[in-house]
Amino acid sequence: MRMKEFIFSRPGDKQVDVGLLLMRVGIPAALFVRHGWEKVSGFNHMLAFQMDPLHIGVYPTMAFATLSDGICTLLIILGLFTRTAAAVIVISLSVVFVTMENALGIIPSSYHLTQSTPPPPSSADHIELTFIYIIFSLGIIFAGPGRYSLDRLLFWRDDRNA
């Protein structure tokens, strides 16, 4: 295939599946390395930060964050229960985006003064990255894991021989 044909042609099914694989492995791996591993390996240490943006308790908050950033990212990388794992990440990071990052500006500045510890410093880069992870996860919910996934091998009964 010549470069012009590659650039301007409609992608084939396998090209789309390779693209999904690359995104499904690369983006969650970055989230796991930066946020998931610290939660999985240092859960008790993370509890000390007393983060509880929804006031459901520090332990349930950290357990859900560990599920999202630590376990669901690995499930997406494997392509196992991919859409469900992506939905968990969307929920978790949407809470981070709205409450912790206050990206929408709807949390009054006095809110954090009543907390036992100040919120982590937020930067435009972190808000942007959180937004990118949310959009990626929404894309995976709609597009699915693609052909190169454990979901396909285990659950796509009509496509096993493809």
Foldseek 3Di string as FASTA:
>chain_A
DDPVCVVPPDDDQVVVLVVLLCLLQPLLVVLCVVQQVCCVVPVVVQLVQVDDQPPPGSNVLSVLSNCQNHVLSVQSNQLHVNLVSLVSNLVNLVSCLCGLQVVVVPDDPCVQVPDPHHRPDHDPVNSVSSVVSNVSSVVCNVPPRGDRHVCCCPPVVVPNVD
